[in-house]
C-alpha cells in the first residue's frame, strides 16, 4: 500500500470490485493545493486512490482552485475507468456510487439567485 498524504483536506472511502476480484475498500484522499517550488506561477494538488493508484502525479494548474478541481476530476475519472473495465464502484456494499452527485458542471447551471 502506498504512502498516505500528511495533511489531506478530504478523505472518503468507497468500495471497488474489479472483474474476477473481491470487493475491496478504497480510500480517496485530496490534498491541499500548494505552489510549485520550481514554477512559482503554478499550483499542485495531490490526490490518491489507495490501493488502486498509489503514485498519482499532483494535478497542475496556474490556479489553486483549478488544481483542486482537476485533482477531484482525476479521481472521478479513475473510478469511471473501473466501470469501463466491467467493474463496480459502491458508496457502501450494495449502494452504487452516485457519480452524478459529484459532477462539477452543476454549479454552472444554477439560477442567478444562488449568486452573491
N, C-alpha and C. Protein backbone atom coordinates (compact mmCIF):
# COMPACT_ATOMS: atom_id res chain seq x y z
N UNK A 1 0.84 -1.18 0.00
CA UNK A 1 0.00 0.00 0.00
C UNK A 1 0.88 1.24 0.00
N UNK A 2 0.47 2.27 -0.74
CA UNK A 2 1.25 3.49 -0.88
C UNK A 2 1.23 4.35 0.38
N UNK A 3 1.90 5.47 0.29
CA UNK A 3 2.00 6.39 1.42
C UNK A 3 0.80 7.33 1.41
N UNK A 4 0.14 7.47 2.54
CA UNK A 4 -0.97 8.40 2.65
C UNK A 4 -0.40 9.80 2.88
N UNK A 5 -1.05 10.79 2.30
CA UNK A 5 -0.54 12.16 2.43
C UNK A 5 -0.67 12.65 3.86
N UNK A 6 0.20 13.59 4.23
CA UNK A 6 0.28 14.07 5.61
C UNK A 6 -0.94 14.86 6.06
N UNK A 7 -1.42 15.77 5.20
CA UNK A 7 -2.46 16.69 5.63
C UNK A 7 -3.57 16.78 4.58
N UNK A 8 -4.32 15.67 4.37
CA UNK A 8 -5.38 15.73 3.36
C UNK A 8 -6.50 16.67 3.81
N UNK A 9 -7.15 17.31 2.83
CA UNK A 9 -8.28 18.17 3.17
C UNK A 9 -9.60 17.43 2.98
N UNK A 10 -9.55 16.29 2.31
CA UNK A 10 -10.75 15.47 2.14
C UNK A 10 -10.34 14.00 2.07
N UNK A 11 -11.06 13.20 2.81
CA UNK A 11 -10.85 11.74 2.81
C UNK A 11 -12.22 11.10 2.71
N UNK A 12 -12.33 10.09 1.87
CA UNK A 12 -13.58 9.34 1.77
C UNK A 12 -13.24 7.90 1.44
N UNK A 13 -14.18 7.03 1.65
CA UNK A 13 -13.99 5.61 1.34
C UNK A 13 -15.08 5.20 0.37
N UNK A 14 -14.69 4.37 -0.58
CA UNK A 14 -15.64 3.74 -1.49
C UNK A 14 -15.25 2.27 -1.57
N UNK A 15 -16.09 1.50 -2.21
CA UNK A 15 -15.80 0.09 -2.42
C UNK A 15 -15.73 -0.16 -3.91
N UNK A 16 -14.73 -0.90 -4.33
CA UNK A 16 -14.48 -1.17 -5.74
C UNK A 16 -14.38 -2.67 -5.93
N UNK A 17 -15.01 -3.13 -7.00
CA UNK A 17 -14.86 -4.53 -7.38
C UNK A 17 -14.51 -4.59 -8.85
N UNK A 18 -13.31 -5.05 -9.13
CA UNK A 18 -12.87 -5.27 -10.50
C UNK A 18 -13.31 -6.67 -10.92
N UNK A 19 -13.46 -6.91 -12.23
CA UNK A 19 -13.87 -8.25 -12.68
C UNK A 19 -12.96 -9.34 -12.12
N UNK A 20 -13.57 -10.39 -11.64
CA UNK A 20 -12.87 -11.57 -11.11
C UNK A 20 -12.01 -11.25 -9.89
N UNK A 21 -12.33 -10.17 -9.17
CA UNK A 21 -11.61 -9.83 -7.94
C UNK A 21 -12.62 -9.59 -6.83
N UNK A 22 -12.19 -9.74 -5.58
CA UNK A 22 -13.12 -9.49 -4.48
C UNK A 22 -13.38 -7.99 -4.30
N UNK A 23 -14.49 -7.68 -3.67
CA UNK A 23 -14.81 -6.30 -3.30
C UNK A 23 -13.75 -5.80 -2.33
N UNK A 24 -13.26 -4.56 -2.55
CA UNK A 24 -12.27 -4.03 -1.61
C UNK A 24 -12.54 -2.56 -1.33
N UNK A 25 -12.15 -2.15 -0.14
CA UNK A 25 -12.30 -0.76 0.27
C UNK A 25 -11.17 0.07 -0.34
N UNK A 26 -11.52 1.23 -0.86
CA UNK A 26 -10.55 2.14 -1.48
C UNK A 26 -10.68 3.49 -0.79
N UNK A 27 -9.54 4.09 -0.46
CA UNK A 27 -9.53 5.39 0.21
C UNK A 27 -9.19 6.49 -0.78
N UNK A 28 -10.08 7.47 -0.86
CA UNK A 28 -9.86 8.65 -1.69
C UNK A 28 -9.27 9.72 -0.77
N UNK A 29 -8.19 10.35 -1.21
CA UNK A 29 -7.63 11.48 -0.46
C UNK A 29 -7.32 12.61 -1.43
N UNK A 30 -7.69 13.81 -1.05
CA UNK A 30 -7.35 15.02 -1.80
C UNK A 30 -6.54 15.89 -0.85
N UNK A 31 -5.40 16.37 -1.33
CA UNK A 31 -4.54 17.20 -0.51
C UNK A 31 -4.80 18.69 -0.73
N UNK A 32 -4.14 19.47 0.06
CA UNK A 32 -4.23 20.94 -0.03
C UNK A 32 -3.39 21.42 -1.21
N UNK A 33 -3.95 22.26 -2.09
CA UNK A 33 -3.14 22.82 -3.18
C UNK A 33 -1.96 23.62 -2.62
N UNK A 34 -0.83 23.54 -3.32
CA UNK A 34 0.36 24.29 -2.89
C UNK A 34 1.11 24.78 -4.13
N UNK A 35 1.87 25.87 -3.95
CA UNK A 35 2.65 26.43 -5.06
C UNK A 35 3.83 25.52 -5.36
N UNK A 36 4.10 25.35 -6.63
CA UNK A 36 5.23 24.55 -7.08
C UNK A 36 6.51 25.33 -6.81
N UNK A 37 7.47 24.71 -6.13
CA UNK A 37 8.72 25.41 -5.79
C UNK A 37 9.57 25.70 -7.03
N UNK A 38 9.46 24.88 -8.07
CA UNK A 38 10.23 25.11 -9.30
C UNK A 38 9.56 26.11 -10.24
N UNK A 39 8.25 26.13 -10.24
CA UNK A 39 7.48 27.01 -11.13
C UNK A 39 6.49 27.80 -10.27
N UNK A 40 6.90 28.94 -9.71
CA UNK A 40 6.09 29.65 -8.72
C UNK A 40 4.73 30.16 -9.21
N UNK A 41 4.50 30.17 -10.53
CA UNK A 41 3.19 30.58 -11.03
C UNK A 41 2.22 29.41 -11.15
N UNK A 42 2.65 28.23 -10.75
CA UNK A 42 1.81 27.05 -10.88
C UNK A 42 1.49 26.44 -9.51
N UNK A 43 0.32 25.84 -9.45
CA UNK A 43 -0.17 25.18 -8.25
C UNK A 43 -0.26 23.68 -8.49
N UNK A 44 -0.01 22.91 -7.45
CA UNK A 44 -0.12 21.46 -7.49
C UNK A 44 -1.14 21.02 -6.44
N UNK A 45 -1.89 19.98 -6.75
CA UNK A 45 -2.84 19.44 -5.77
C UNK A 45 -2.72 17.92 -5.78
N UNK A 46 -2.25 17.34 -4.68
CA UNK A 46 -2.10 15.88 -4.63
C UNK A 46 -3.44 15.18 -4.44
N UNK A 47 -3.51 13.96 -4.94
CA UNK A 47 -4.69 13.12 -4.76
C UNK A 47 -4.24 11.67 -4.78
N UNK A 48 -4.99 10.82 -4.11
CA UNK A 48 -4.66 9.39 -4.15
C UNK A 48 -5.94 8.57 -4.10
N UNK A 49 -5.83 7.39 -4.60
CA UNK A 49 -6.93 6.42 -4.63
C UNK A 49 -6.32 5.08 -4.22
N UNK A 50 -6.10 4.94 -2.93
CA UNK A 50 -5.40 3.77 -2.38
C UNK A 50 -6.34 2.59 -2.19
N UNK A 51 -5.97 1.41 -2.55
CA UNK A 51 -4.70 0.94 -3.09
C UNK A 51 -4.67 0.85 -4.61
N UNK A 52 -5.70 1.37 -5.30
CA UNK A 52 -5.72 1.25 -6.77
C UNK A 52 -4.64 2.06 -7.46
N UNK A 53 -4.44 3.31 -7.00
CA UNK A 53 -3.47 4.21 -7.62
C UNK A 53 -2.67 4.89 -6.52
N UNK A 54 -1.48 4.40 -6.29
CA UNK A 54 -0.65 4.88 -5.18
C UNK A 54 0.25 6.05 -5.55
N UNK A 55 0.61 6.18 -6.79
CA UNK A 55 1.62 7.17 -7.17
C UNK A 55 1.10 8.17 -8.20
N UNK A 56 -0.04 8.74 -7.96
CA UNK A 56 -0.58 9.74 -8.89
C UNK A 56 0.24 11.01 -8.82
N UNK A 57 0.52 11.58 -9.98
CA UNK A 57 1.16 12.90 -10.01
C UNK A 57 0.14 13.93 -9.57
N UNK A 58 0.56 14.98 -8.88
CA UNK A 58 -0.39 16.02 -8.47
C UNK A 58 -0.99 16.71 -9.69
N UNK A 59 -2.23 17.17 -9.54
CA UNK A 59 -2.86 17.97 -10.59
C UNK A 59 -2.15 19.32 -10.64
N UNK A 60 -1.93 19.84 -11.84
CA UNK A 60 -1.15 21.07 -12.02
C UNK A 60 -2.00 22.11 -12.74
N UNK A 61 -1.93 23.35 -12.25
CA UNK A 61 -2.65 24.46 -12.88
C UNK A 61 -2.01 25.77 -12.47
N UNK A 62 -2.44 26.86 -13.10
CA UNK A 62 -1.97 28.18 -12.68
C UNK A 62 -2.90 28.79 -11.63
N UNK A 63 -3.82 27.98 -11.12
CA UNK A 63 -4.78 28.42 -10.11
C UNK A 63 -4.93 27.34 -9.05
N UNK A 64 -4.95 27.75 -7.79
CA UNK A 64 -5.14 26.79 -6.70
C UNK A 64 -6.49 26.10 -6.82
N UNK A 65 -7.53 26.87 -7.11
CA UNK A 65 -8.87 26.31 -7.22
C UNK A 65 -8.95 25.32 -8.37
N UNK A 66 -8.40 25.69 -9.52
CA UNK A 66 -8.45 24.77 -10.66
C UNK A 66 -7.65 23.50 -10.39
N UNK A 67 -6.50 23.60 -9.72
CA UNK A 67 -5.73 22.38 -9.41
C UNK A 67 -6.54 21.47 -8.50
N UNK A 68 -7.30 22.04 -7.59
CA UNK A 68 -8.18 21.26 -6.71
C UNK A 68 -9.28 20.58 -7.53
N UNK A 69 -9.89 21.32 -8.44
CA UNK A 69 -10.93 20.75 -9.30
C UNK A 69 -10.37 19.63 -10.17
N UNK A 70 -9.17 19.84 -10.71
CA UNK A 70 -8.55 18.83 -11.56
C UNK A 70 -8.22 17.56 -10.78
N UNK A 71 -7.78 17.71 -9.54
CA UNK A 71 -7.48 16.54 -8.70
C UNK A 71 -8.76 15.73 -8.44
N UNK A 72 -9.84 16.44 -8.13
CA UNK A 72 -11.12 15.75 -7.92
C UNK A 72 -11.60 15.07 -9.19
N UNK A 73 -11.48 15.75 -10.32
CA UNK A 73 -11.91 15.18 -11.59
C UNK A 73 -11.10 13.92 -11.93
N UNK A 74 -9.80 13.95 -11.63
CA UNK A 74 -8.96 12.78 -11.90
C UNK A 74 -9.45 11.57 -11.10
N UNK A 75 -9.78 11.78 -9.83
CA UNK A 75 -10.27 10.67 -9.01
C UNK A 75 -11.57 10.12 -9.60
N UNK A 76 -12.49 11.00 -9.98
CA UNK A 76 -13.75 10.54 -10.57
C UNK A 76 -13.49 9.80 -11.89
N UNK A 77 -12.57 10.28 -12.70
CA UNK A 77 -12.23 9.60 -13.95
C UNK A 77 -11.66 8.21 -13.70
N UNK A 78 -10.81 8.10 -12.70
CA UNK A 78 -10.24 6.79 -12.37
C UNK A 78 -11.31 5.82 -11.88
N UNK A 79 -12.27 6.33 -11.12
CA UNK A 79 -13.38 5.47 -10.68
C UNK A 79 -14.26 5.08 -11.87
N UNK A 80 -14.47 6.00 -12.81
CA UNK A 80 -15.22 5.68 -14.03
C UNK A 80 -14.50 4.60 -14.83
N UNK A 81 -13.17 4.61 -14.83
CA UNK A 81 -12.41 3.59 -15.55
C UNK A 81 -12.71 2.20 -15.01
N UNK A 82 -12.97 2.10 -13.71
CA UNK A 82 -13.33 0.82 -13.12
C UNK A 82 -14.60 0.29 -13.79
N UNK A 83 -15.58 1.18 -13.99
CA UNK A 83 -16.82 0.78 -14.67
C UNK A 83 -16.52 0.35 -16.10
N UNK A 84 -15.65 1.09 -16.77
CA UNK A 84 -15.27 0.77 -18.14
C UNK A 84 -14.60 -0.58 -18.28
N UNK A 85 -13.97 -1.04 -17.20
CA UNK A 85 -13.31 -2.35 -17.19
C UNK A 85 -14.28 -3.46 -16.81
N UNK A 86 -15.57 -3.09 -16.62
CA UNK A 86 -16.56 -4.09 -16.23
C UNK A 86 -16.69 -4.26 -14.74
N UNK A 87 -16.08 -3.37 -13.96
CA UNK A 87 -16.15 -3.45 -12.51
C UNK A 87 -17.30 -2.63 -11.95
N UNK A 88 -17.32 -2.51 -10.62
CA UNK A 88 -18.36 -1.77 -9.92
C UNK A 88 -17.73 -0.85 -8.89
N UNK A 89 -18.39 0.29 -8.65
CA UNK A 89 -17.97 1.22 -7.60
C UNK A 89 -19.18 1.43 -6.70
N UNK A 90 -18.95 1.30 -5.41
CA UNK A 90 -20.03 1.38 -4.44
C UNK A 90 -19.72 2.42 -3.37
N UNK A 91 -20.73 3.15 -2.94
CA UNK A 91 -20.58 4.06 -1.80
C UNK A 91 -20.39 3.23 -0.54
N UNK A 92 -21.17 2.19 -0.46
CA UNK A 92 -21.05 1.14 0.55
C UNK A 92 -21.55 -0.12 -0.12
N UNK A 93 -21.23 -1.28 0.42
CA UNK A 93 -21.69 -2.50 -0.26
C UNK A 93 -23.19 -2.43 -0.56
N UNK A 94 -23.56 -2.74 -1.79
CA UNK A 94 -24.94 -2.73 -2.28
C UNK A 94 -25.55 -1.34 -2.44
N UNK A 95 -24.74 -0.27 -2.43
CA UNK A 95 -25.21 1.10 -2.71
C UNK A 95 -24.29 1.69 -3.77
N UNK A 96 -24.71 1.65 -5.05
CA UNK A 96 -23.84 2.15 -6.13
C UNK A 96 -23.40 3.60 -5.89
N UNK A 97 -22.20 3.90 -6.33
CA UNK A 97 -21.64 5.25 -6.19
C UNK A 97 -22.41 6.20 -7.11
N UNK A 98 -22.94 7.31 -6.57
CA UNK A 98 -23.73 8.24 -7.37
C UNK A 98 -22.84 9.27 -8.08
N UNK A 99 -22.25 8.90 -9.20
CA UNK A 99 -21.33 9.80 -9.90
C UNK A 99 -21.95 11.16 -10.18
N UNK A 100 -23.24 11.19 -10.52
CA UNK A 100 -23.89 12.46 -10.85
C UNK A 100 -23.92 13.43 -9.66
N UNK A 101 -23.87 12.93 -8.46
CA UNK A 101 -23.87 13.80 -7.28
C UNK A 101 -22.53 14.51 -7.09
N UNK A 102 -21.50 14.06 -7.79
CA UNK A 102 -20.18 14.64 -7.67
C UNK A 102 -19.78 15.45 -8.91
N UNK A 103 -20.75 15.70 -9.80
CA UNK A 103 -20.48 16.41 -11.06
C UNK A 103 -20.24 17.89 -10.78
N UNK A 104 -19.18 18.44 -11.38
CA UNK A 104 -18.83 19.85 -11.19
C UNK A 104 -19.67 20.78 -12.05
N UNK A 105 -20.18 20.33 -13.18
CA UNK A 105 -20.89 21.20 -14.10
C UNK A 105 -22.18 21.76 -13.54
N UNK A 106 -22.70 21.17 -12.49
CA UNK A 106 -23.97 21.62 -11.92
C UNK A 106 -23.88 23.07 -11.42
N UNK A 107 -22.72 23.50 -10.95
CA UNK A 107 -22.57 24.86 -10.43
C UNK A 107 -22.79 25.90 -11.53
N UNK A 108 -22.45 25.56 -12.75
CA UNK A 108 -22.59 26.49 -13.87
C UNK A 108 -24.06 26.73 -14.20
N UNK A 109 -24.91 25.75 -13.96
CA UNK A 109 -26.30 25.85 -14.37
C UNK A 109 -27.24 26.33 -13.27
N UNK A 110 -26.72 26.72 -12.12
CA UNK A 110 -27.58 27.20 -11.04
C UNK A 110 -28.19 28.56 -11.39
N UNK A 111 -29.43 28.82 -10.99
CA UNK A 111 -30.04 30.12 -11.25
C UNK A 111 -29.27 31.24 -10.56
N UNK A 112 -29.40 32.46 -11.07
CA UNK A 112 -28.70 33.61 -10.53
C UNK A 112 -28.99 33.87 -9.06
N UNK A 113 -30.14 33.46 -8.57
CA UNK A 113 -30.47 33.74 -7.16
C UNK A 113 -29.49 33.08 -6.20
N UNK A 114 -28.69 32.09 -6.67
CA UNK A 114 -27.69 31.46 -5.82
C UNK A 114 -26.39 32.22 -5.80
N UNK A 115 -26.26 33.23 -6.65
CA UNK A 115 -25.03 34.03 -6.69
C UNK A 115 -25.10 35.12 -5.63
N UNK A 116 -23.95 35.57 -5.17
CA UNK A 116 -23.93 36.66 -4.20
C UNK A 116 -23.42 37.91 -4.85
